[in-house]
PDB file of N, CA and C in Angstrom:
ATOM      1  N   MET A   1      13.888  19.992  31.031  1.00  0.00           N
ATOM      2  CA  MET A   1      14.636  18.795  30.715  1.00  0.00           C
ATOM      3  C   MET A   1      15.525  19.078  29.511  1.00  0.00           C
ATOM      4  N   ASN A   2      16.761  18.691  29.594  1.00  0.00           N
ATOM      5  CA  ASN A   2      17.733  18.883  28.536  1.00  0.00           C
ATOM      6  C   ASN A   2      17.461  17.919  27.394  1.00  0.00           C
ATOM      7  N   LEU A   3      17.680  18.376  26.161  1.00  0.00           N
ATOM      8  CA  LEU A   3      17.455  17.547  24.984  1.00  0.00           C
ATOM      9  C   LEU A   3      18.293  16.282  25.010  1.00  0.00           C
ATOM     10  N   TYR A   4      19.490  16.343  25.593  1.00  0.00           N
ATOM     11  CA  TYR A   4      20.376  15.176  25.637  1.00  0.00           C
ATOM     12  C   TYR A   4      19.926  14.130  26.654  1.00  0.00           C
ATOM     13  N   GLN A   5      18.934  14.458  27.479  1.00  0.00           N
ATOM     14  CA  GLN A   5      18.421  13.489  28.429  1.00  0.00           C
ATOM     15  C   GLN A   5      17.438  12.515  27.764  1.00  0.00           C
ATOM     16  N   PHE A   6      16.999  12.836  26.549  1.00  0.00           N
ATOM     17  CA  PHE A   6      16.113  11.929  25.824  1.00  0.00           C
ATOM     18  C   PHE A   6      16.910  10.758  25.270  1.00  0.00           C
ATOM     19  N   LEU A   7      16.231   9.695  25.003  1.00  0.00           N
ATOM     20  CA  LEU A   7      16.889   8.525  24.423  1.00  0.00           C
ATOM     21  C   LEU A   7      17.286   8.801  22.978  1.00  0.00           C
ATOM     22  N   VAL A   8      18.363   8.174  22.536  1.00  0.00           N
ATOM     23  CA  VAL A   8      18.811   8.316  21.156  1.00  0.00           C
ATOM     24  C   VAL A   8      17.884   7.525  20.230  1.00  0.00           C
ATOM     25  N   LYS A   9      17.409   6.397  20.687  1.00  0.00           N
ATOM     26  CA  LYS A   9      16.494   5.586  19.902  1.00  0.00           C
ATOM     27  C   LYS A   9      15.075   5.771  20.442  1.00  0.00           C
ATOM     28  N   PRO A  10      14.067   5.607  19.580  1.00  0.00           N
ATOM     29  CA  PRO A  10      12.689   5.812  20.030  1.00  0.00           C
ATOM     30  C   PRO A  10      12.235   4.731  21.003  1.00  0.00           C
ATOM     31  N   VAL A  11      11.305   5.097  21.855  1.00  0.00           N
ATOM     32  CA  VAL A  11      10.685   4.167  22.786  1.00  0.00           C
ATOM     33  C   VAL A  11       9.356   3.754  22.176  1.00  0.00           C
ATOM     34  N   TYR A  12       9.152   2.449  22.020  1.00  0.00           N
ATOM     35  CA  TYR A  12       7.914   1.949  21.443  1.00  0.00           C
ATOM     36  C   TYR A  12       7.043   1.351  22.535  1.00  0.00           C
ATOM     37  N   CYS A  13       5.767   1.598  22.436  1.00  0.00           N
ATOM     38  CA  CYS A  13       4.805   0.997  23.346  1.00  0.00           C
ATOM     39  C   CYS A  13       3.595   0.607  22.507  1.00  0.00           C
ATOM     40  N   ILE A  14       3.280  -0.661  22.483  1.00  0.00           N
ATOM     41  CA  ILE A  14       2.147  -1.137  21.699  1.00  0.00           C
ATOM     42  C   ILE A  14       1.161  -1.808  22.645  1.00  0.00           C
ATOM     43  N   ILE A  15      -0.069  -1.312  22.618  1.00  0.00           N
ATOM     44  CA  ILE A  15      -1.132  -1.899  23.420  1.00  0.00           C
ATOM     45  C   ILE A  15      -2.179  -2.415  22.446  1.00  0.00           C
ATOM     46  N   SER A  16      -2.484  -3.686  22.528  1.00  0.00           N
ATOM     47  CA  SER A  16      -3.447  -4.287  21.620  1.00  0.00           C
ATOM     48  C   SER A  16      -4.524  -4.973  22.450  1.00  0.00           C
ATOM     49  N   LEU A  17      -5.774  -4.553  22.260  1.00  0.00           N
ATOM     50  CA  LEU A  17      -6.873  -5.106  23.029  1.00  0.00           C
ATOM     51  C   LEU A  17      -7.872  -5.799  22.120  1.00  0.00           C
ATOM     52  N   PRO A  18      -8.074  -7.093  22.300  1.00  0.00           N
ATOM     53  CA  PRO A  18      -9.158  -7.727  21.555  1.00  0.00           C
ATOM     54  C   PRO A  18     -10.485  -7.296  22.181  1.00  0.00           C
ATOM     55  N   ILE A  19     -11.298  -6.561  21.438  1.00  0.00           N
ATOM     56  CA  ILE A  19     -12.562  -6.058  21.964  1.00  0.00           C
ATOM     57  C   ILE A  19     -13.600  -7.167  21.975  1.00  0.00           C
ATOM     58  N   MET A  20     -13.661  -7.910  20.884  1.00  0.00           N
ATOM     59  CA  MET A  20     -14.610  -9.013  20.793  1.00  0.00           C
ATOM     60  C   MET A  20     -13.989 -10.110  19.940  1.00  0.00           C
ATOM     61  N   THR A  21     -14.018 -11.331  20.434  1.00  0.00           N
ATOM     62  CA  THR A  21     -13.446 -12.442  19.686  1.00  0.00           C
ATOM     63  C   THR A  21     -14.370 -13.653  19.808  1.00  0.00           C
ATOM     64  N   THR A  22     -14.764 -14.186  18.657  1.00  0.00           N
ATOM     65  CA  THR A  22     -15.507 -15.440  18.599  1.00  0.00           C
ATOM     66  C   THR A  22     -14.801 -16.321  17.582  1.00  0.00           C
ATOM     67  N   VAL A  23     -15.367 -17.474  17.299  1.00  0.00           N
ATOM     68  CA  VAL A  23     -14.762 -18.375  16.314  1.00  0.00           C
ATOM     69  C   VAL A  23     -14.789 -17.743  14.926  1.00  0.00           C
ATOM     70  N   LEU A  24     -15.868 -17.003  14.594  1.00  0.00           N
ATOM     71  CA  LEU A  24     -16.032 -16.449  13.251  1.00  0.00           C
ATOM     72  C   LEU A  24     -15.705 -14.964  13.139  1.00  0.00           C
ATOM     73  N   PHE A  25     -15.671 -14.242  14.254  1.00  0.00           N
ATOM     74  CA  PHE A  25     -15.579 -12.785  14.197  1.00  0.00           C
ATOM     75  C   PHE A  25     -14.630 -12.259  15.272  1.00  0.00           C
ATOM     76  N   SER A  26     -13.848 -11.228  14.932  1.00  0.00           N
ATOM     77  CA  SER A  26     -12.991 -10.592  15.940  1.00  0.00           C
ATOM     78  C   SER A  26     -12.802  -9.117  15.605  1.00  0.00           C
ATOM     79  N   ILE A  27     -12.701  -8.305  16.641  1.00  0.00           N
ATOM     80  CA  ILE A  27     -12.398  -6.875  16.515  1.00  0.00           C
ATOM     81  C   ILE A  27     -11.225  -6.585  17.442  1.00  0.00           C
ATOM     82  N   ARG A  28     -10.264  -5.804  16.963  1.00  0.00           N
ATOM     83  CA  ARG A  28      -9.080  -5.477  17.764  1.00  0.00           C
ATOM     84  C   ARG A  28      -8.803  -3.982  17.662  1.00  0.00           C
ATOM     85  N   LEU A  29      -8.515  -3.371  18.804  1.00  0.00           N
ATOM     86  CA  LEU A  29      -8.130  -1.966  18.886  1.00  0.00           C
ATOM     87  C   LEU A  29      -6.681  -1.918  19.336  1.00  0.00           C
ATOM     88  N   THR A  30      -5.833  -1.192  18.597  1.00  0.00           N
ATOM     89  CA  THR A  30      -4.404  -1.145  18.892  1.00  0.00           C
ATOM     90  C   THR A  30      -3.931   0.294  18.992  1.00  0.00           C
ATOM     91  N   GLN A  31      -3.172   0.587  20.044  1.00  0.00           N
ATOM     92  CA  GLN A  31      -2.543   1.896  20.202  1.00  0.00           C
ATOM     93  C   GLN A  31      -1.036   1.704  20.119  1.00  0.00           C
ATOM     94  N   ASN A  32      -0.384   2.482  19.255  1.00  0.00           N
ATOM     95  CA  ASN A  32       1.072   2.446  19.099  1.00  0.00           C
ATOM     96  C   ASN A  32       1.631   3.795  19.533  1.00  0.00           C
ATOM     97  N   HIS A  33       2.678   3.770  20.341  1.00  0.00           N
ATOM     98  CA  HIS A  33       3.315   5.015  20.775  1.00  0.00           C
ATOM     99  C   HIS A  33       4.812   4.927  20.517  1.00  0.00           C
ATOM    100  N   LYS A  34       5.350   5.978  19.940  1.00  0.00           N
ATOM    101  CA  LYS A  34       6.793   6.092  19.738  1.00  0.00           C
ATOM    102  C   LYS A  34       7.227   7.375  20.438  1.00  0.00           C
ATOM    103  N   GLY A  35       8.157   7.258  21.358  1.00  0.00           N
ATOM    104  CA  GLY A  35       8.613   8.412  22.119  1.00  0.00           C
ATOM    105  C   GLY A  35       9.537   9.318  21.320  1.00  0.00           C
ATOM    106  N   GLU A  36       9.781  10.468  21.869  1.00  0.00           N
ATOM    107  CA  GLU A  36      10.665  11.475  21.268  1.00  0.00           C
ATOM    108  C   GLU A  36      12.088  10.921  21.153  1.00  0.00           C
ATOM    109  N   TYR A  37      12.776  11.205  20.028  1.00  0.00           N
ATOM    110  CA  TYR A  37      14.148  10.735  19.885  1.00  0.00           C
ATOM    111  C   TYR A  37      14.938  11.627  18.929  1.00  0.00           C
ATOM    112  N   ILE A  38      16.237  11.678  19.162  1.00  0.00           N
ATOM    113  CA  ILE A  38      17.135  12.481  18.330  1.00  0.00           C
ATOM    114  C   ILE A  38      17.426  11.731  17.039  1.00  0.00           C
ATOM    115  N   ASP A  39      17.306  12.441  15.925  1.00  0.00           N
ATOM    116  CA  ASP A  39      17.562  11.855  14.619  1.00  0.00           C
ATOM    117  C   ASP A  39      18.946  12.250  14.097  1.00  0.00           C
ATOM    118  N   GLU A  40      19.358  13.484  14.394  1.00  0.00           N
ATOM    119  CA  GLU A  40      20.630  13.966  13.866  1.00  0.00           C
ATOM    120  C   GLU A  40      21.269  14.928  14.871  1.00  0.00           C
ATOM    121  N   HIS A  41      22.527  14.636  15.257  1.00  0.00           N
ATOM    122  CA  HIS A  41      23.265  15.507  16.172  1.00  0.00           C
ATOM    123  C   HIS A  41      24.025  16.557  15.365  1.00  0.00           C
ATOM    124  N   ASP A  42      24.126  17.763  15.945  1.00  0.00           N
ATOM    125  CA  ASP A  42      24.876  18.855  15.333  1.00  0.00           C
ATOM    126  C   ASP A  42      25.929  19.313  16.339  1.00  0.00           C
ATOM    127  N   ALA A  43      26.901  20.074  15.892  1.00  0.00           N
ATOM    128  CA  ALA A  43      27.921  20.609  16.799  1.00  0.00           C
ATOM    129  C   ALA A  43      27.289  21.506  17.857  1.00  0.00           C
ATOM    130  N   ASN A  44      26.234  22.211  17.496  1.00  0.00           N
ATOM    131  CA  ASN A  44      25.485  23.066  18.413  1.00  0.00           C
ATOM    132  C   ASN A  44      24.196  22.329  18.779  1.00  0.00           C
ATOM    133  N   LYS A  45      23.951  22.123  20.075  1.00  0.00           N
ATOM    134  CA  LYS A  45      22.779  21.338  20.469  1.00  0.00           C
ATOM    135  C   LYS A  45      21.467  22.021  20.098  1.00  0.00           C
ATOM    136  N   ASN A  46      21.484  23.318  19.843  1.00  0.00           N
ATOM    137  CA  ASN A  46      20.283  24.012  19.395  1.00  0.00           C
ATOM    138  C   ASN A  46      19.945  23.697  17.943  1.00  0.00           C
ATOM    139  N   GLU A  47      20.837  23.013  17.251  1.00  0.00           N
ATOM    140  CA  GLU A  47      20.606  22.624  15.858  1.00  0.00           C
ATOM    141  C   GLU A  47      20.367  21.122  15.703  1.00  0.00           C
ATOM    142  N   ASP A  48      20.333  20.379  16.828  1.00  0.00           N
ATOM    143  CA  ASP A  48      20.000  18.951  16.759  1.00  0.00           C
ATOM    144  C   ASP A  48      18.601  18.789  16.167  1.00  0.00           C
ATOM    145  N   GLN A  49      18.417  17.730  15.410  1.00  0.00           N
ATOM    146  CA  GLN A  49      17.114  17.468  14.816  1.00  0.00           C
ATOM    147  C   GLN A  49      16.539  16.208  15.450  1.00  0.00           C
ATOM    148  N   TYR A  50      15.261  16.272  15.821  1.00  0.00           N
ATOM    149  CA  TYR A  50      14.637  15.120  16.463  1.00  0.00           C
ATOM    150  C   TYR A  50      13.160  15.035  16.141  1.00  0.00           C
ATOM    151  N   TYR A  51      12.632  13.825  16.276  1.00  0.00           N
ATOM    152  CA  TYR A  51      11.208  13.570  16.094  1.00  0.00           C
ATOM    153  C   TYR A  51      10.500  13.715  17.425  1.00  0.00           C
ATOM    154  N   GLY A  52       9.327  14.299  17.387  1.00  0.00           N
ATOM    155  CA  GLY A  52       8.504  14.406  18.584  1.00  0.00           C
ATOM    156  C   GLY A  52       7.768  13.094  18.827  1.00  0.00           C
ATOM    157  N   PRO A  53       7.100  12.966  19.964  1.00  0.00           N
ATOM    158  CA  PRO A  53       6.365  11.742  20.252  1.00  0.00           C
ATOM    159  C   PRO A  53       5.198  11.570  19.272  1.00  0.00           C
ATOM    160  N   TYR A  54       4.846  10.335  19.013  1.00  0.00           N
ATOM    161  CA  TYR A  54       3.781  10.040  18.066  1.00  0.00           C
ATOM    162  C   TYR A  54       2.959   8.864  18.586  1.00  0.00           C
ATOM    163  N   THR A  55       1.654   9.016  18.582  1.00  0.00           N
ATOM    164  CA  THR A  55       0.747   7.957  19.018  1.00  0.00           C
ATOM    165  C   THR A  55      -0.325   7.766  17.958  1.00  0.00           C
ATOM    166  N   SER A  56      -0.590   6.527  17.614  1.00  0.00           N
ATOM    167  CA  SER A  56      -1.660   6.250  16.655  1.00  0.00           C
ATOM    168  C   SER A  56      -2.621   5.222  17.234  1.00  0.00           C
ATOM    169  N   LEU A  57      -3.869   5.310  16.798  1.00  0.00           N
ATOM    170  CA  LEU A  57      -4.913   4.385  17.225  1.00  0.00           C
ATOM    171  C   LEU A  57      -5.459   3.698  15.982  1.00  0.00           C
ATOM    172  N   ASN A  58      -5.430   2.374  15.976  1.00  0.00           N
ATOM    173  CA  ASN A  58      -5.863   1.585  14.822  1.00  0.00           C
ATOM    174  C   ASN A  58      -6.923   0.582  15.246  1.00  0.00           C
ATOM    175  N   MET A  59      -7.793   0.213  14.298  1.00  0.00           N
ATOM    176  CA  MET A  59      -8.814  -0.789  14.570  1.00  0.00           C
ATOM    177  C   MET A  59      -8.880  -1.767  13.402  1.00  0.00           C
ATOM    178  N   SER A  60      -9.049  -3.049  13.722  1.00  0.00           N
ATOM    179  CA  SER A  60      -9.186  -4.058  12.676  1.00  0.00           C
ATOM    180  C   SER A  60     -10.299  -5.030  13.053  1.00  0.00           C
ATOM    181  N   ALA A  61     -10.914  -5.611  12.021  1.00  0.00           N
ATOM    182  CA  ALA A  61     -11.971  -6.601  12.219  1.00  0.00           C
ATOM    183  C   ALA A  61     -11.783  -7.715  11.204  1.00  0.00           C
ATOM    184  N   ASN A  62     -12.144  -8.905  11.607  1.00  0.00           N
ATOM    185  CA  ASN A  62     -11.983 -10.091  10.779  1.00  0.00           C
ATOM    186  C   ASN A  62     -13.261 -10.920  10.901  1.00  0.00           C
ATOM    187  N   TYR A  63     -13.865 -11.286   9.773  1.00  0.00           N
ATOM    188  CA  TYR A  63     -15.082 -12.091   9.793  1.00  0.00           C
ATOM    189  C   TYR A  63     -14.951 -13.247   8.815  1.00  0.00           C
ATOM    190  N   THR A  64     -15.159 -14.465   9.303  1.00  0.00           N
ATOM    191  CA  THR A  64     -15.086 -15.665   8.472  1.00  0.00           C
ATOM    192  C   THR A  64     -16.487 -15.978   7.969  1.00  0.00           C
ATOM    193  N   LEU A  65     -16.694 -15.831   6.659  1.00  0.00           N
ATOM    194  CA  LEU A  65     -17.994 -16.102   6.064  1.00  0.00           C
ATOM    195  C   LEU A  65     -18.198 -17.589   5.789  1.00  0.00           C
ATOM    196  N   SER A  66     -17.113 -18.277   5.407  1.00  0.00           N
ATOM    197  CA  SER A  66     -17.160 -19.718   5.149  1.00  0.00           C
ATOM    198  C   SER A  66     -15.750 -20.257   5.301  1.00  0.00           C
ATOM    199  N   ASP A  67     -15.583 -21.557   5.018  1.00  0.00           N
ATOM    200  CA  ASP A  67     -14.247 -22.154   5.091  1.00  0.00           C
ATOM    201  C   ASP A  67     -13.297 -21.537   4.082  1.00  0.00           C
ATOM    202  N   LYS A  68     -13.856 -20.978   3.012  1.00  0.00           N
ATOM    203  CA  LYS A  68     -13.016 -20.430   1.945  1.00  0.00           C
ATOM    204  C   LYS A  68     -12.989 -18.905   1.887  1.00  0.00           C
ATOM    205  N   LEU A  69     -13.953 -18.222   2.493  1.00  0.00           N
ATOM    206  CA  LEU A  69     -14.067 -16.770   2.344  1.00  0.00           C
ATOM    207  C   LEU A  69     -13.965 -16.049   3.686  1.00  0.00           C
ATOM    208  N   VAL A  70     -13.030 -15.106   3.755  1.00  0.00           N
ATOM    209  CA  VAL A  70     -12.815 -14.289   4.954  1.00  0.00           C
ATOM    210  C   VAL A  70     -12.806 -12.816   4.543  1.00  0.00           C
ATOM    211  N   VAL A  71     -13.464 -11.958   5.351  1.00  0.00           N
ATOM    212  CA  VAL A  71     -13.474 -10.515   5.122  1.00  0.00           C
ATOM    213  C   VAL A  71     -12.660  -9.869   6.232  1.00  0.00           C
ATOM    214  N   PHE A  72     -11.755  -8.973   5.839  1.00  0.00           N
ATOM    215  CA  PHE A  72     -10.897  -8.262   6.790  1.00  0.00           C
ATOM    216  C   PHE A  72     -11.019  -6.759   6.532  1.00  0.00           C
ATOM    217  N   ALA A  73     -11.217  -5.968   7.588  1.00  0.00           N
ATOM    218  CA  ALA A  73     -11.273  -4.511   7.475  1.00  0.00           C
ATOM    219  C   ALA A  73     -10.299  -3.904   8.474  1.00  0.00           C
ATOM    220  N   GLU A  74      -9.682  -2.785   8.072  1.00  0.00           N
ATOM    221  CA  GLU A  74      -8.692  -2.132   8.920  1.00  0.00           C
ATOM    222  C   GLU A  74      -8.796  -0.625   8.743  1.00  0.00           C
ATOM    223  N   ALA A  75      -8.764   0.114   9.852  1.00  0.00           N
ATOM    224  CA  ALA A  75      -8.727   1.578   9.828  1.00  0.00           C
ATOM    225  C   ALA A  75      -7.499   2.008  10.630  1.00  0.00           C
ATOM    226  N   LEU A  76      -6.655   2.872  10.039  1.00  0.00           N
ATOM    227  CA  LEU A  76      -5.397   3.287  10.660  1.00  0.00           C
ATOM    228  C   LEU A  76      -5.412   4.780  10.981  1.00  0.00           C
ATOM    229  N   ASN A  77      -4.711   5.155  12.040  1.00  0.00           N
ATOM    230  CA  ASN A  77      -4.548   6.544  12.458  1.00  0.00           C
ATOM    231  C   ASN A  77      -5.898   7.223  12.698  1.00  0.00           C
ATOM    232  N   LEU A  78      -6.738   6.606  13.510  1.00  0.00           N
ATOM    233  CA  LEU A  78      -8.088   7.111  13.759  1.00  0.00           C
ATOM    234  C   LEU A  78      -8.109   8.504  14.394  1.00  0.00           C
ATOM    235  N   THR A  79      -7.081   8.862  15.138  1.00  0.00           N
ATOM    236  CA  THR A  79      -7.035  10.175  15.786  1.00  0.00           C
ATOM    237  C   THR A  79      -6.328  11.234  14.946  1.00  0.00           C
ATOM    238  N   ASN A  80      -5.788  10.854  13.781  1.00  0.00           N
ATOM    239  CA  ASN A  80      -5.074  11.762  12.869  1.00  0.00           C
ATOM    240  C   ASN A  80      -3.992  12.562  13.590  1.00  0.00           C
ATOM    241  N   GLU A  81      -3.210  11.877  14.386  1.00  0.00           N
ATOM    242  CA  GLU A  81      -2.113  12.493  15.150  1.00  0.00           C
ATOM    243  C   GLU A  81      -1.004  12.964  14.202  1.00  0.00           C
ATOM    244  N   PRO A  82      -0.500  14.186  14.371  1.00  0.00           N
ATOM    245  CA  PRO A  82       0.579  14.656  13.488  1.00  0.00           C
ATOM    246  C   PRO A  82       1.930  14.059  13.873  1.00  0.00           C
ATOM    247  N   LEU A  83       2.768  13.852  12.875  1.00  0.00           N
ATOM    248  CA  LEU A  83       4.156  13.440  13.078  1.00  0.00           C
ATOM    249  C   LEU A  83       5.000  14.698  12.934  1.00  0.00           C
ATOM    250  N   THR A  84       5.757  15.062  13.969  1.00  0.00           N
ATOM    251  CA  THR A  84       6.517  16.313  13.961  1.00  0.00           C
ATOM    252  C   THR A  84       8.013  16.054  14.000  1.00  0.00           C
ATOM    253  N   TYR A  85       8.741  16.914  13.331  1.00  0.00           N
ATOM    254  CA  TYR A  85      10.198  16.852  13.234  1.00  0.00           C
ATOM    255  C   TYR A  85      10.714  18.233  13.616  1.00  0.00           C
ATOM    256  N   TYR A  86      11.559  18.308  14.659  1.00  0.00           N
ATOM    257  CA  TYR A  86      12.000  19.586  15.222  1.00  0.00           C
ATOM    258  C   TYR A  86      13.485  19.834  15.005  1.00  0.00           C
ATOM    259  N   ILE A  87      13.853  21.112  15.081  1.00  0.00           N
ATOM    260  CA  ILE A  87      15.253  21.524  15.126  1.00  0.00           C
ATOM    261  C   ILE A  87      15.458  22.218  16.468  1.00  0.00           C
ATOM    262  N   GLY A  88      16.236  21.622  17.336  1.00  0.00           N
ATOM    263  CA  GLY A  88      16.574  22.232  18.618  1.00  0.00           C
ATOM    264  C   GLY A  88      15.532  22.062  19.697  1.00  0.00           C
ATOM    265  N   ASP A  89      14.338  22.611  19.530  1.00  0.00           N
ATOM    266  CA  ASP A  89      13.275  22.466  20.520  1.00  0.00           C
ATOM    267  C   ASP A  89      11.914  22.516  19.827  1.00  0.00           C
ATOM    268  N   LYS A  90      10.864  22.298  20.606  1.00  0.00           N
ATOM    269  CA  LYS A  90       9.517  22.191  20.042  1.00  0.00           C
ATOM    270  C   LYS A  90       8.990  23.496  19.457  1.00  0.00           C
ATOM    271  N   ASP A  91       9.637  24.599  19.756  1.00  0.00           N
ATOM    272  CA  ASP A  91       9.217  25.886  19.193  1.00  0.00           C
ATOM    273  C   ASP A  91       9.725  26.087  17.766  1.00  0.00           C
ATOM    274  N   ARG A  92      10.565  25.167  17.281  1.00  0.00           N
ATOM    275  CA  ARG A  92      11.129  25.266  15.923  1.00  0.00           C
ATOM    276  C   ARG A  92      10.815  24.002  15.112  1.00  0.00           C
ATOM    277  N   PRO A  93       9.556  23.823  14.737  1.00  0.00           N
ATOM    278  CA  PRO A  93       9.246  22.637  13.934  1.00  0.00           C
ATOM    279  C   PRO A  93       9.822  22.760  12.530  1.00  0.00           C
ATOM    280  N   LYS A  94      10.421  21.697  12.057  1.00  0.00           N
ATOM    281  CA  LYS A  94      10.956  21.662  10.701  1.00  0.00           C
ATOM    282  C   LYS A  94       9.921  21.088   9.741  1.00  0.00           C
ATOM    283  N   GLN A  95       9.160  20.122  10.242  1.00  0.00           N
ATOM    284  CA  GLN A  95       8.183  19.451   9.407  1.00  0.00           C
ATOM    285  C   GLN A  95       7.056  18.919  10.281  1.00  0.00           C
ATOM    286  N   VAL A  96       5.816  19.068   9.828  1.00  0.00           N
ATOM    287  CA  VAL A  96       4.647  18.510  10.503  1.00  0.00           C
ATOM    288  C   VAL A  96       3.820  17.784   9.453  1.00  0.00           C
ATOM    289  N   GLU A  97       3.562  16.494   9.688  1.00  0.00           N
ATOM    290  CA  GLU A  97       2.824  15.682   8.719  1.00  0.00           C
ATOM    291  C   GLU A  97       1.515  15.204   9.325  1.00  0.00           C
ATOM    292  N   TYR A  98       0.431  15.448   8.620  1.00  0.00           N
ATOM    293  CA  TYR A  98      -0.869  14.875   8.953  1.00  0.00           C
ATOM    294  C   TYR A  98      -1.186  13.863   7.866  1.00  0.00           C
ATOM    295  N   CYS A  99      -1.109  12.597   8.198  1.00  0.00           N
ATOM    296  CA  CYS A  99      -1.304  11.551   7.195  1.00  0.00           C
ATOM    297  C   CYS A  99      -2.770  11.233   6.964  1.00  0.00           C
ATOM    298  N   GLY A 100      -3.642  11.614   7.877  1.00  0.00           N
ATOM    299  CA  GLY A 100      -5.061  11.335   7.739  1.00  0.00           C
ATOM    300  C   GLY A 100      -5.402   9.908   8.119  1.00  0.00           C
ATOM    301  N   VAL A 101      -6.693   9.643   8.124  1.00  0.00           N
ATOM    302  CA  VAL A 101      -7.187   8.309   8.428  1.00  0.00           C
ATOM    303  C   VAL A 101      -7.229   7.514   7.128  1.00  0.00           C
ATOM    304  N   CYS A 102      -6.765   6.286   7.163  1.00  0.00           N
ATOM    305  CA  CYS A 102      -6.828   5.437   5.966  1.00  0.00           C
ATOM    306  C   CYS A 102      -7.272   4.044   6.382  1.00  0.00           C
ATOM    307  N   GLY A 103      -7.658   3.267   5.414  1.00  0.00           N
ATOM    308  CA  GLY A 103      -8.117   1.926   5.728  1.00  0.00           C
ATOM    309  C   GLY A 103      -8.134   1.044   4.511  1.00  0.00           C
ATOM    310  N   GLN A 104      -8.520  -0.187   4.740  1.00  0.00           N
ATOM    311  CA  GLN A 104      -8.629  -1.148   3.646  1.00  0.00           C
ATOM    312  C   GLN A 104      -9.705  -2.168   3.984  1.00  0.00           C
ATOM    313  N   LEU A 105     -10.298  -2.704   2.938  1.00  0.00           N
ATOM    314  CA  LEU A 105     -11.276  -3.775   3.048  1.00  0.00           C
ATOM    315  C   LEU A 105     -10.791  -4.891   2.134  1.00  0.00           C
ATOM    316  N   VAL A 106     -10.601  -6.076   2.691  1.00  0.00           N
ATOM    317  CA  VAL A 106     -10.004  -7.192   1.950  1.00  0.00           C
ATOM    318  C   VAL A 106     -10.939  -8.394   1.998  1.00  0.00           C
ATOM    319  N   PHE A 107     -11.160  -8.986   0.850  1.00  0.00           N
ATOM    320  CA  PHE A 107     -11.871 -10.255   0.755  1.00  0.00           C
ATOM    321  C   PHE A 107     -10.839 -11.311   0.358  1.00  0.00           C
ATOM    322  N   ARG A 108     -10.699 -12.338   1.159  1.00  0.00           N
ATOM    323  CA  ARG A 108      -9.724 -13.391   0.874  1.00  0.00           C
ATOM    324  C   ARG A 108     -10.470 -14.698   0.602  1.00  0.00           C
ATOM    325  N   TYR A 109     -10.241 -15.235  -0.565  1.00  0.00           N
ATOM    326  CA  TYR A 109     -10.895 -16.483  -0.959  1.00  0.00           C
ATOM    327  C   TYR A 109      -9.829 -17.537  -1.200  1.00  0.00           C
ATOM    328  N   SER A 110     -10.028 -18.713  -0.630  1.00  0.00           N
ATOM    329  CA  SER A 110      -9.092 -19.822  -0.801  1.00  0.00           C
ATOM    330  C   SER A 110      -9.651 -20.790  -1.829  1.00  0.00           C
ATOM    331  N   PHE A 111      -8.867 -21.065  -2.864  1.00  0.00           N
ATOM    332  CA  PHE A 111      -9.299 -21.981  -3.905  1.00  0.00           C
ATOM    333  C   PHE A 111      -8.978 -23.426  -3.584  1.00  0.00           C
ATOM    334  N   ILE A 112      -8.206 -23.660  -2.562  1.00  0.00           N
ATOM    335  CA  ILE A 112      -7.818 -25.010  -2.182  1.00  0.00           C
ATOM    336  C   ILE A 112      -8.934 -25.612  -1.335  1.00  0.00           C
ATOM    337  N   ALA A 113      -9.420 -26.764  -1.738  1.00  0.00           N
ATOM    338  CA  ALA A 113     -10.555 -27.379  -1.061  1.00  0.00           C
ATOM    339  C   ALA A 113     -10.167 -27.931   0.304  1.00  0.00           C
ATOM    340  N   GLU A 114      -9.013 -28.518   0.430  1.00  0.00           N
ATOM    341  CA  GLU A 114      -8.577 -29.106   1.688  1.00  0.00           C
ATOM    342  C   GLU A 114      -7.206 -28.583   2.056  1.00  0.00           C
ATOM    343  N   ARG A 115      -6.958 -28.528   3.335  1.00  0.00           N
ATOM    344  CA  ARG A 115      -5.634 -28.138   3.812  1.00  0.00           C
ATOM    345  C   ARG A 115      -4.850 -29.426   4.067  1.00  0.00           C
ATOM    346  N   PHE A 116      -3.650 -29.461   3.565  1.00  0.00           N
ATOM    347  CA  PHE A 116      -2.817 -30.643   3.721  1.00  0.00           C
ATOM    348  C   PHE A 116      -2.052 -30.568   5.037  1.00  0.00           C
ATOM    349  N   THR A 117      -1.986 -31.665   5.727  1.00  0.00           N
ATOM    350  CA  THR A 117      -1.182 -31.739   6.958  1.00  0.00           C
ATOM    351  C   THR A 117      -0.095 -32.774   6.755  1.00  0.00           C
ATOM    352  N   PHE A 118       1.050 -32.515   7.305  1.00  0.00           N
ATOM    353  CA  PHE A 118       2.176 -33.422   7.166  1.00  0.00           C
ATOM    354  C   PHE A 118       2.457 -34.110   8.471  1.00  0.00           C
TER     355      PHE A 118
END
């Protein structure tokens, strides 16, 4: 397949599956995919620069402890997929990034006793 047959802009595909959802608790698994795309054109097509395809798998959970307190946890890039940047073809990588798995744990507390409705 010729490099020029790829799209100029990336193709995004997001799949989000609620694994478990109740009134107080939810878990969600999300897969994001970005297709291969050209980032910079050169006079010689062997010098074009483009990003390779990238897929990430993320998971999040939300638990309501009370009317005022909610706990949220998130883990990103569970498969540690590399982000690659090429010159010309896949045999000439310019840059390869492994971002690793990261996450956060958030406690959200609301100081407002009642919610106002208009």
